[in-house]
Amino acid sequence: MVQGQVENGRLFREERRHRIVELVNDRQKVIVSDLADYFDVTTATIRSDLRVLEDEGHLERTHGGAISVQHEDPVTTTMKTRISVHRKQKQRIAREAAKLVSDGDFILIDSGTTAQTFVRMLADKRNLTILTNDIVLAHIAELELPDVSAIMVGGMIRNHYNCTEGTEAIAMLRSYYAPRFFLSTDSFSIEKGFSTFQMEQAVIKRAMLEQSDEHILLADSSKIGVNAPIRFAGLEDIDVFITDAGISSKAKNDILSQEDAPHLVVV
């Protein structure tokens, strides 16, 4: 057993509720059935969680789900919330991932707060080119990385998520091929692989996997043992899986026992 998780991969009630608040602030709305699948609990349990969280002022319940109650600028607020959660774990994962990047590399990075933490670890790299669909990540590269060129994947901007997606983004991606792709996930389980909440997000992740050679996945341990509705990849699609020491021994052994297991790095 590890902090925040029981051995079977389910979260303790308090951490599950903390994660629900993170998800609703991240995505602006959540659905009861999706959360039940994600946490592998009953819909009755999720409804109970939402009632408690509404009473505490963290969210507002709706028919079939809940919405965010934050009233700041949604982009700014979302990023503040997401990047503050599991900050130390994300920093360790990002620092380890940066060791795989050399001067002169061309790399593909998808959207997410762990990815944004990762790109900040590349400040000492020279003649680096980054291809990304993450608006904030591209901005960080422009402002903070002195010898890095950023190529922004065009397309429809996904409201409140700071990234592009859709047919225009996919078409532009098809013009590039990256030796390495650094990606993130909303969740992972042995049974369902890597998954996310939105079909558009899954589609662009799949396109990025197709347009790259080596795939390095960055995910803190809170993402392991839970499921989001839409699968975009399996363990066989990943070459390196970097996570933090919060991963349970069962989850670690389950990953390593798979025939197509990636190289697992725990930091």
C-alpha atoms as a PDB file:
ATOM      1  CA  MET A   1       0.000   0.000   0.000  1.00  0.00           C
ATOM      2  CA  VAL A   2       1.228   3.497  -0.836  1.00  0.00           C
ATOM      3  CA  GLN A   3       0.132   6.943   0.186  1.00  0.00           C
ATOM      4  CA  GLY A   4      -3.165   7.864  -1.443  1.00  0.00           C
ATOM      5  CA  GLN A   5      -3.802   4.440  -2.939  1.00  0.00           C
ATOM      6  CA  VAL A   6      -4.778   1.005  -1.752  1.00  0.00           C
ATOM      7  CA  GLU A   7      -3.106  -2.060  -3.155  1.00  0.00           C
ATOM      8  CA  ASN A   8      -5.896  -2.853  -5.641  1.00  0.00           C
ATOM      9  CA  GLY A   9      -5.366   0.520  -7.311  1.00  0.00           C
ATOM     10  CA  ARG A  10      -8.430   2.308  -5.906  1.00  0.00           C
ATOM     11  CA  LEU A  11      -7.970   5.656  -4.229  1.00  0.00           C
ATOM     12  CA  PHE A  12      -8.927   6.426  -0.653  1.00  0.00           C
ATOM     13  CA  ARG A  13     -12.136   8.429  -0.334  1.00  0.00           C
ATOM     14  CA  GLU A  14     -10.358  11.685   0.538  1.00  0.00           C
ATOM     15  CA  GLU A  15      -7.953  11.467  -2.374  1.00  0.00           C
ATOM     16  CA  ARG A  16     -10.711  10.386  -4.732  1.00  0.00           C
ATOM     17  CA  ARG A  17     -12.661  13.523  -3.799  1.00  0.00           C
ATOM     18  CA  HIS A  18      -9.543  15.654  -4.188  1.00  0.00           C
ATOM     19  CA  ARG A  19      -9.066  14.173  -7.660  1.00  0.00           C
ATOM     20  CA  ILE A  20     -12.717  14.866  -8.540  1.00  0.00           C
ATOM     21  CA  VAL A  21     -12.214  18.539  -7.690  1.00  0.00           C
ATOM     22  CA  GLU A  22      -9.091  18.579  -9.854  1.00  0.00           C
ATOM     23  CA  LEU A  23     -10.989  17.005 -12.751  1.00  0.00           C
ATOM     24  CA  VAL A  24     -13.999  19.319 -12.556  1.00  0.00           C
ATOM     25  CA  ASN A  25     -11.755  22.397 -12.405  1.00  0.00           C
ATOM     26  CA  ASP A  26      -9.659  21.032 -15.247  1.00  0.00           C
ATOM     27  CA  ARG A  27     -12.547  20.129 -17.557  1.00  0.00           C
ATOM     28  CA  GLN A  28     -15.237  22.551 -16.317  1.00  0.00           C
ATOM     29  CA  LYS A  29     -17.739  19.691 -16.092  1.00  0.00           C
ATOM     30  CA  VAL A  30     -17.768  15.984 -15.220  1.00  0.00           C
ATOM     31  CA  ILE A  31     -20.278  13.161 -15.722  1.00  0.00           C
ATOM     32  CA  VAL A  32     -21.219  10.724 -12.931  1.00  0.00           C
ATOM     33  CA  SER A  33     -20.912   7.630 -15.120  1.00  0.00           C
ATOM     34  CA  ASP A  34     -17.494   8.702 -16.423  1.00  0.00           C
ATOM     35  CA  LEU A  35     -16.241   9.287 -12.880  1.00  0.00           C
ATOM     36  CA  ALA A  36     -17.575   5.914 -11.739  1.00  0.00           C
ATOM     37  CA  ASP A  37     -15.648   4.201 -14.542  1.00  0.00           C
ATOM     38  CA  TYR A  38     -12.565   6.312 -13.885  1.00  0.00           C
ATOM     39  CA  PHE A  39     -12.401   5.463 -10.168  1.00  0.00           C
ATOM     40  CA  ASP A  40     -13.881   1.957 -10.473  1.00  0.00           C
ATOM     41  CA  VAL A  41     -16.640   2.691  -7.951  1.00  0.00           C
ATOM     42  CA  THR A  42     -20.431   2.779  -8.137  1.00  0.00           C
ATOM     43  CA  THR A  43     -22.389   5.748  -9.417  1.00  0.00           C
ATOM     44  CA  ALA A  44     -23.965   5.962  -5.954  1.00  0.00           C
ATOM     45  CA  THR A  45     -20.499   6.488  -4.458  1.00  0.00           C
ATOM     46  CA  ILE A  46     -19.758   9.266  -6.949  1.00  0.00           C
ATOM     47  CA  ARG A  47     -23.095  10.968  -6.260  1.00  0.00           C
ATOM     48  CA  SER A  48     -22.287  10.868  -2.552  1.00  0.00           C
ATOM     49  CA  ASP A  49     -18.868  12.397  -3.259  1.00  0.00           C
ATOM     50  CA  LEU A  50     -20.445  15.153  -5.343  1.00  0.00           C
ATOM     51  CA  ARG A  51     -22.972  15.979  -2.608  1.00  0.00           C
ATOM     52  CA  VAL A  52     -20.159  16.356  -0.071  1.00  0.00           C
ATOM     53  CA  LEU A  53     -18.025  18.415  -2.437  1.00  0.00           C
ATOM     54  CA  GLU A  54     -20.967  20.679  -3.294  1.00  0.00           C
ATOM     55  CA  ASP A  55     -21.668  21.221   0.417  1.00  0.00           C
ATOM     56  CA  GLU A  56     -18.006  22.197   0.836  1.00  0.00           C
ATOM     57  CA  GLY A  57     -18.289  24.671  -2.060  1.00  0.00           C
ATOM     58  CA  HIS A  58     -15.917  22.878  -4.453  1.00  0.00           C
ATOM     59  CA  LEU A  59     -18.390  22.322  -7.306  1.00  0.00           C
ATOM     60  CA  GLU A  60     -22.032  22.584  -8.346  1.00  0.00           C
ATOM     61  CA  ARG A  61     -24.039  19.450  -9.023  1.00  0.00           C
ATOM     62  CA  THR A  62     -26.032  19.163 -12.225  1.00  0.00           C
ATOM     63  CA  HIS A  63     -28.300  16.506 -13.684  1.00  0.00           C
ATOM     64  CA  GLY A  64     -25.921  13.596 -14.244  1.00  0.00           C
ATOM     65  CA  GLY A  65     -22.740  15.301 -13.125  1.00  0.00           C
ATOM     66  CA  ALA A  66     -21.170  18.492 -11.819  1.00  0.00           C
ATOM     67  CA  ILE A  67     -19.662  21.748 -13.059  1.00  0.00           C
ATOM     68  CA  SER A  68     -16.886  24.002 -11.847  1.00  0.00           C
ATOM     69  CA  VAL A  69     -17.757  26.931  -9.572  1.00  0.00           C
ATOM     70  CA  GLN A  70     -14.561  28.860 -10.234  1.00  0.00           C
ATOM     71  CA  HIS A  71     -15.166  32.420 -11.388  1.00  0.00           C
ATOM     72  CA  GLU A  72     -11.666  33.530 -12.391  1.00  0.00           C
ATOM     73  CA  ASP A  73     -10.517  33.510 -15.974  1.00  0.00           C
ATOM     74  CA  PRO A  74     -11.095  29.833 -16.892  1.00  0.00           C
ATOM     75  CA  VAL A  75      -7.783  29.343 -18.684  1.00  0.00           C
ATOM     76  CA  THR A  76      -5.719  30.900 -15.905  1.00  0.00           C
ATOM     77  CA  THR A  77      -7.635  29.142 -13.169  1.00  0.00           C
ATOM     78  CA  THR A  78      -7.496  25.775 -14.857  1.00  0.00           C
ATOM     79  CA  MET A  79      -3.738  25.968 -15.290  1.00  0.00           C
ATOM     80  CA  LYS A  80      -3.204  27.094 -11.695  1.00  0.00           C
ATOM     81  CA  THR A  81      -5.248  24.160 -10.435  1.00  0.00           C
ATOM     82  CA  ARG A  82      -3.766  21.515 -12.673  1.00  0.00           C
ATOM     83  CA  ILE A  83      -0.120  22.444 -12.342  1.00  0.00           C
ATOM     84  CA  SER A  84      -0.296  22.676  -8.537  1.00  0.00           C
ATOM     85  CA  VAL A  85      -1.538  19.092  -8.155  1.00  0.00           C
ATOM     86  CA  HIS A  86       1.257  16.534  -7.652  1.00  0.00           C
ATOM     87  CA  ARG A  87       3.774  19.286  -8.394  1.00  0.00           C
ATOM     88  CA  LYS A  88       6.823  17.539  -6.912  1.00  0.00           C
ATOM     89  CA  GLN A  89       6.051  14.272  -8.685  1.00  0.00           C
ATOM     90  CA  LYS A  90       5.646  16.064 -12.009  1.00  0.00           C
ATOM     91  CA  GLN A  91       8.953  17.841 -11.519  1.00  0.00           C
ATOM     92  CA  ARG A  92      10.799  14.564 -10.863  1.00  0.00           C
ATOM     93  CA  ILE A  93       9.180  12.931 -13.876  1.00  0.00           C
ATOM     94  CA  ALA A  94       9.957  15.932 -16.088  1.00  0.00           C
ATOM     95  CA  ARG A  95      13.577  16.080 -14.944  1.00  0.00           C
ATOM     96  CA  GLU A  96      14.030  12.394 -15.766  1.00  0.00           C
ATOM     97  CA  ALA A  97      12.410  12.814 -19.177  1.00  0.00           C
ATOM     98  CA  ALA A  98      14.717  15.719 -20.002  1.00  0.00           C
ATOM     99  CA  LYS A  99      17.671  13.318 -19.776  1.00  0.00           C
ATOM    100  CA  LEU A 100      16.373  11.691 -22.957  1.00  0.00           C
ATOM    101  CA  VAL A 101      16.698  14.925 -24.953  1.00  0.00           C
ATOM    102  CA  SER A 102      19.960  15.918 -26.633  1.00  0.00           C
ATOM    103  CA  ASP A 103      21.138  19.095 -28.340  1.00  0.00           C
ATOM    104  CA  GLY A 104      19.855  19.312 -31.896  1.00  0.00           C
ATOM    105  CA  ASP A 105      16.857  17.024 -31.336  1.00  0.00           C
ATOM    106  CA  PHE A 106      13.461  17.414 -32.962  1.00  0.00           C
ATOM    107  CA  ILE A 107      10.774  16.300 -30.500  1.00  0.00           C
ATOM    108  CA  LEU A 108       6.982  16.146 -30.390  1.00  0.00           C
ATOM    109  CA  ILE A 109       5.198  17.016 -27.133  1.00  0.00           C
ATOM    110  CA  ASP A 110       1.469  16.809 -26.518  1.00  0.00           C
ATOM    111  CA  SER A 111      -0.622  18.961 -24.214  1.00  0.00           C
ATOM    112  CA  GLY A 112      -0.668  18.873 -20.417  1.00  0.00           C
ATOM    113  CA  THR A 113       0.770  20.325 -17.240  1.00  0.00           C
ATOM    114  CA  THR A 114       3.384  17.585 -16.899  1.00  0.00           C
ATOM    115  CA  ALA A 115       4.487  18.396 -20.449  1.00  0.00           C
ATOM    116  CA  GLN A 116       4.718  22.079 -19.529  1.00  0.00           C
ATOM    117  CA  THR A 117       6.867  21.177 -16.519  1.00  0.00           C
ATOM    118  CA  PHE A 118       8.986  18.988 -18.787  1.00  0.00           C
ATOM    119  CA  VAL A 119       9.655  21.709 -21.360  1.00  0.00           C
ATOM    120  CA  ARG A 120      10.995  23.996 -18.627  1.00  0.00           C
ATOM    121  CA  MET A 121      13.641  21.340 -17.918  1.00  0.00           C
ATOM    122  CA  LEU A 122      15.025  21.829 -21.438  1.00  0.00           C
ATOM    123  CA  ALA A 123      16.430  25.331 -20.901  1.00  0.00           C
ATOM    124  CA  ASP A 124      20.032  24.138 -21.186  1.00  0.00           C
ATOM    125  CA  LYS A 125      19.493  22.374 -24.519  1.00  0.00           C
ATOM    126  CA  ARG A 126      20.840  23.883 -27.720  1.00  0.00           C
ATOM    127  CA  ASN A 127      19.445  23.918 -31.243  1.00  0.00           C
ATOM    128  CA  LEU A 128      16.313  22.075 -30.107  1.00  0.00           C
ATOM    129  CA  THR A 129      13.065  22.069 -32.099  1.00  0.00           C
ATOM    130  CA  ILE A 130       9.726  21.340 -30.424  1.00  0.00           C
ATOM    131  CA  LEU A 131       6.484  20.497 -32.219  1.00  0.00           C
ATOM    132  CA  THR A 132       3.420  20.809 -29.977  1.00  0.00           C
ATOM    133  CA  ASN A 133      -0.313  21.474 -29.898  1.00  0.00           C
ATOM    134  CA  ASP A 134      -0.073  23.057 -26.418  1.00  0.00           C
ATOM    135  CA  ILE A 135      -0.377  26.853 -26.531  1.00  0.00           C
ATOM    136  CA  VAL A 136       1.057  27.385 -23.050  1.00  0.00           C
ATOM    137  CA  LEU A 137       3.967  25.035 -23.728  1.00  0.00           C
ATOM    138  CA  ALA A 138       4.848  26.892 -26.923  1.00  0.00           C
ATOM    139  CA  HIS A 139       4.698  30.176 -25.016  1.00  0.00           C
ATOM    140  CA  ILE A 140       7.017  28.806 -22.314  1.00  0.00           C
ATOM    141  CA  ALA A 141       9.472  27.728 -25.003  1.00  0.00           C
ATOM    142  CA  GLU A 142       9.348  31.169 -26.596  1.00  0.00           C
ATOM    143  CA  LEU A 143       9.933  33.056 -23.346  1.00  0.00           C
ATOM    144  CA  GLU A 144      12.160  30.771 -21.294  1.00  0.00           C
ATOM    145  CA  LEU A 145      14.220  28.582 -23.634  1.00  0.00           C
ATOM    146  CA  PRO A 146      16.974  30.649 -25.297  1.00  0.00           C
ATOM    147  CA  ASP A 147      17.993  28.205 -28.021  1.00  0.00           C
ATOM    148  CA  VAL A 148      14.779  26.321 -28.740  1.00  0.00           C
ATOM    149  CA  SER A 149      12.444  26.726 -31.727  1.00  0.00           C
ATOM    150  CA  ALA A 150       8.769  25.908 -31.212  1.00  0.00           C
ATOM    151  CA  ILE A 151       6.405  24.881 -34.010  1.00  0.00           C
ATOM    152  CA  MET A 152       2.760  25.307 -33.041  1.00  0.00           C
ATOM    153  CA  VAL A 153       0.303  22.797 -34.492  1.00  0.00           C
ATOM    154  CA  GLY A 154      -2.589  24.826 -35.878  1.00  0.00           C
ATOM    155  CA  GLY A 155      -6.253  23.970 -35.726  1.00  0.00           C
ATOM    156  CA  MET A 156      -9.319  24.483 -33.579  1.00  0.00           C
ATOM    157  CA  ILE A 157      -8.461  25.739 -30.077  1.00  0.00           C
ATOM    158  CA  ARG A 158     -10.071  23.609 -27.407  1.00  0.00           C
ATOM    159  CA  ASN A 159     -11.731  26.008 -24.962  1.00  0.00           C
ATOM    160  CA  HIS A 160     -10.151  26.080 -21.489  1.00  0.00           C
ATOM    161  CA  TYR A 161      -7.586  23.404 -22.368  1.00  0.00           C
ATOM    162  CA  ASN A 162      -4.887  25.548 -24.019  1.00  0.00           C
ATOM    163  CA  CYS A 163      -4.423  23.211 -26.975  1.00  0.00           C
ATOM    164  CA  THR A 164      -5.420  22.676 -30.589  1.00  0.00           C
ATOM    165  CA  GLU A 165      -7.260  19.710 -32.028  1.00  0.00           C
ATOM    166  CA  GLY A 166      -9.482  18.742 -34.955  1.00  0.00           C
ATOM    167  CA  THR A 167      -8.979  18.011 -38.639  1.00  0.00           C
ATOM    168  CA  GLU A 168      -6.716  21.012 -39.311  1.00  0.00           C
ATOM    169  CA  ALA A 169      -4.382  19.994 -36.486  1.00  0.00           C
ATOM    170  CA  ILE A 170      -4.271  16.391 -37.719  1.00  0.00           C
ATOM    171  CA  ALA A 171      -3.536  17.542 -41.273  1.00  0.00           C
ATOM    172  CA  MET A 172      -0.623  19.675 -40.104  1.00  0.00           C
ATOM    173  CA  LEU A 173       0.752  16.839 -37.979  1.00  0.00           C
ATOM    174  CA  ARG A 174       0.876  14.634 -41.064  1.00  0.00           C
ATOM    175  CA  SER A 175       3.522  16.979 -42.491  1.00  0.00           C
ATOM    176  CA  TYR A 176       5.989  16.063 -39.725  1.00  0.00           C
ATOM    177  CA  TYR A 177       7.654  12.970 -38.319  1.00  0.00           C
ATOM    178  CA  ALA A 178       9.392  13.111 -34.936  1.00  0.00           C
ATOM    179  CA  PRO A 179      12.029  10.674 -33.674  1.00  0.00           C
ATOM    180  CA  ARG A 180      10.650  11.090 -30.132  1.00  0.00           C
ATOM    181  CA  PHE A 181       7.186  11.844 -28.764  1.00  0.00           C
ATOM    182  CA  PHE A 182       6.657  12.846 -25.123  1.00  0.00           C
ATOM    183  CA  LEU A 183       3.036  12.322 -24.159  1.00  0.00           C
ATOM    184  CA  SER A 184       0.746  12.307 -21.141  1.00  0.00           C
ATOM    185  CA  THR A 185      -2.484  10.570 -20.164  1.00  0.00           C
ATOM    186  CA  ASP A 186      -5.522  11.124 -17.964  1.00  0.00           C
ATOM    187  CA  SER A 187      -5.425   7.543 -16.730  1.00  0.00           C
ATOM    188  CA  PHE A 188      -3.908   4.099 -17.138  1.00  0.00           C
ATOM    189  CA  SER A 189      -4.897   0.583 -16.213  1.00  0.00           C
ATOM    190  CA  ILE A 190      -3.678  -2.814 -17.363  1.00  0.00           C
ATOM    191  CA  GLU A 191      -7.200  -3.691 -18.491  1.00  0.00           C
ATOM    192  CA  LYS A 192      -7.950  -0.579 -20.558  1.00  0.00           C
ATOM    193  CA  GLY A 193      -4.551   0.907 -21.334  1.00  0.00           C
ATOM    194  CA  PHE A 194      -4.085   4.681 -21.590  1.00  0.00           C
ATOM    195  CA  SER A 195      -7.281   6.696 -21.750  1.00  0.00           C
ATOM    196  CA  THR A 196      -8.715  10.183 -21.753  1.00  0.00           C
ATOM    197  CA  PHE A 197     -12.087  11.910 -21.416  1.00  0.00           C
ATOM    198  CA  GLN A 198     -12.596  13.484 -24.853  1.00  0.00           C
ATOM    199  CA  MET A 199     -12.684  11.783 -28.249  1.00  0.00           C
ATOM    200  CA  GLU A 200     -10.933  14.751 -29.909  1.00  0.00           C
ATOM    201  CA  GLN A 201      -8.082  14.480 -27.422  1.00  0.00           C
ATOM    202  CA  ALA A 202      -7.756  10.744 -28.041  1.00  0.00           C
ATOM    203  CA  VAL A 203      -7.743  11.276 -31.811  1.00  0.00           C
ATOM    204  CA  ILE A 204      -4.903  13.795 -31.785  1.00  0.00           C
ATOM    205  CA  LYS A 205      -2.862  11.640 -29.400  1.00  0.00           C
ATOM    206  CA  ARG A 206      -3.258   8.695 -31.772  1.00  0.00           C
ATOM    207  CA  ALA A 207      -2.156  10.855 -34.700  1.00  0.00           C
ATOM    208  CA  MET A 208       0.915  11.962 -32.748  1.00  0.00           C
ATOM    209  CA  LEU A 209       1.769   8.338 -31.977  1.00  0.00           C
ATOM    210  CA  GLU A 210       1.570   7.544 -35.698  1.00  0.00           C
ATOM    211  CA  GLN A 211       3.812  10.508 -36.600  1.00  0.00           C
ATOM    212  CA  SER A 212       6.639   9.555 -34.242  1.00  0.00           C
ATOM    213  CA  ASP A 213       9.069   6.736 -33.615  1.00  0.00           C
ATOM    214  CA  GLU A 214       9.930   6.438 -29.896  1.00  0.00           C
ATOM    215  CA  HIS A 215       7.110   7.117 -27.412  1.00  0.00           C
ATOM    216  CA  ILE A 216       7.892   8.338 -23.881  1.00  0.00           C
ATOM    217  CA  LEU A 217       4.897   8.578 -21.552  1.00  0.00           C
ATOM    218  CA  LEU A 218       4.972  10.897 -18.525  1.00  0.00           C
ATOM    219  CA  ALA A 219       2.354  10.192 -15.847  1.00  0.00           C
ATOM    220  CA  ASP A 220       2.295  10.689 -12.097  1.00  0.00           C
ATOM    221  CA  SER A 221       1.131   7.707 -10.055  1.00  0.00           C
ATOM    222  CA  SER A 222      -2.332   9.167  -9.353  1.00  0.00           C
ATOM    223  CA  LYS A 223      -3.186   8.339 -12.982  1.00  0.00           C
ATOM    224  CA  ILE A 224      -2.439   4.628 -12.526  1.00  0.00           C
ATOM    225  CA  GLY A 225      -5.185   2.137 -11.726  1.00  0.00           C
ATOM    226  CA  VAL A 226      -8.070   4.320 -12.904  1.00  0.00           C
ATOM    227  CA  ASN A 227      -9.907   4.606 -16.209  1.00  0.00           C
ATOM    228  CA  ALA A 228     -11.205   7.422 -18.379  1.00  0.00           C
ATOM    229  CA  PRO A 229     -13.793   6.497 -21.038  1.00  0.00           C
ATOM    230  CA  ILE A 230     -11.758   6.712 -24.264  1.00  0.00           C
ATOM    231  CA  ARG A 231      -8.689   4.556 -24.871  1.00  0.00           C
ATOM    232  CA  PHE A 232      -5.961   5.973 -27.111  1.00  0.00           C
ATOM    233  CA  ALA A 233      -3.023   3.585 -26.591  1.00  0.00           C
ATOM    234  CA  GLY A 234      -1.860   0.371 -24.951  1.00  0.00           C
ATOM    235  CA  LEU A 235       1.355  -0.588 -23.207  1.00  0.00           C
ATOM    236  CA  GLU A 236       2.586  -2.008 -26.514  1.00  0.00           C
ATOM    237  CA  ASP A 237       2.520   1.519 -27.990  1.00  0.00           C
ATOM    238  CA  ILE A 238       4.860   2.958 -25.341  1.00  0.00           C
ATOM    239  CA  ASP A 239       8.635   2.571 -25.251  1.00  0.00           C
ATOM    240  CA  VAL A 240       9.393   4.348 -21.959  1.00  0.00           C
ATOM    241  CA  PHE A 241       6.941   4.892 -19.088  1.00  0.00           C
ATOM    242  CA  ILE A 242       8.126   7.425 -16.504  1.00  0.00           C
ATOM    243  CA  THR A 243       6.199   7.717 -13.230  1.00  0.00           C
ATOM    244  CA  ASP A 244       6.857   8.525  -9.584  1.00  0.00           C
ATOM    245  CA  ALA A 245       7.526   6.387  -6.526  1.00  0.00           C
ATOM    246  CA  GLY A 246       3.864   6.518  -5.514  1.00  0.00           C
ATOM    247  CA  ILE A 247       3.132   3.652  -7.904  1.00  0.00           C
ATOM    248  CA  SER A 248       1.968   0.590  -5.973  1.00  0.00           C
ATOM    249  CA  SER A 249       4.072  -2.558  -6.052  1.00  0.00           C
ATOM    250  CA  LYS A 250       1.123  -4.411  -7.612  1.00  0.00           C
ATOM    251  CA  ALA A 251       0.758  -1.877 -10.422  1.00  0.00           C
ATOM    252  CA  LYS A 252       4.502  -1.951 -11.050  1.00  0.00           C
ATOM    253  CA  ASN A 253       4.571  -5.759 -11.189  1.00  0.00           C
ATOM    254  CA  ASP A 254       1.484  -5.848 -13.413  1.00  0.00           C
ATOM    255  CA  ILE A 255       3.155  -3.526 -15.919  1.00  0.00           C
ATOM    256  CA  LEU A 256       6.461  -5.381 -15.933  1.00  0.00           C
ATOM    257  CA  SER A 257       4.741  -8.754 -16.355  1.00  0.00           C
ATOM    258  CA  GLN A 258       3.194  -7.751 -19.683  1.00  0.00           C
ATOM    259  CA  GLU A 259       4.733  -9.255 -22.803  1.00  0.00           C
ATOM    260  CA  ASP A 260       5.054  -5.854 -24.486  1.00  0.00           C
ATOM    261  CA  ALA A 261       5.977  -3.919 -21.350  1.00  0.00           C
ATOM    262  CA  PRO A 262       7.771  -0.603 -21.920  1.00  0.00           C
ATOM    263  CA  HIS A 263      10.891   0.358 -20.038  1.00  0.00           C
ATOM    264  CA  LEU A 264       9.450   1.473 -16.688  1.00  0.00           C
ATOM    265  CA  VAL A 265      11.280   4.324 -14.919  1.00  0.00           C
ATOM    266  CA  VAL A 266      10.223   5.161 -11.349  1.00  0.00           C
ATOM    267  CA  VAL A 267      11.556   8.409  -9.879  1.00  0.00           C
END
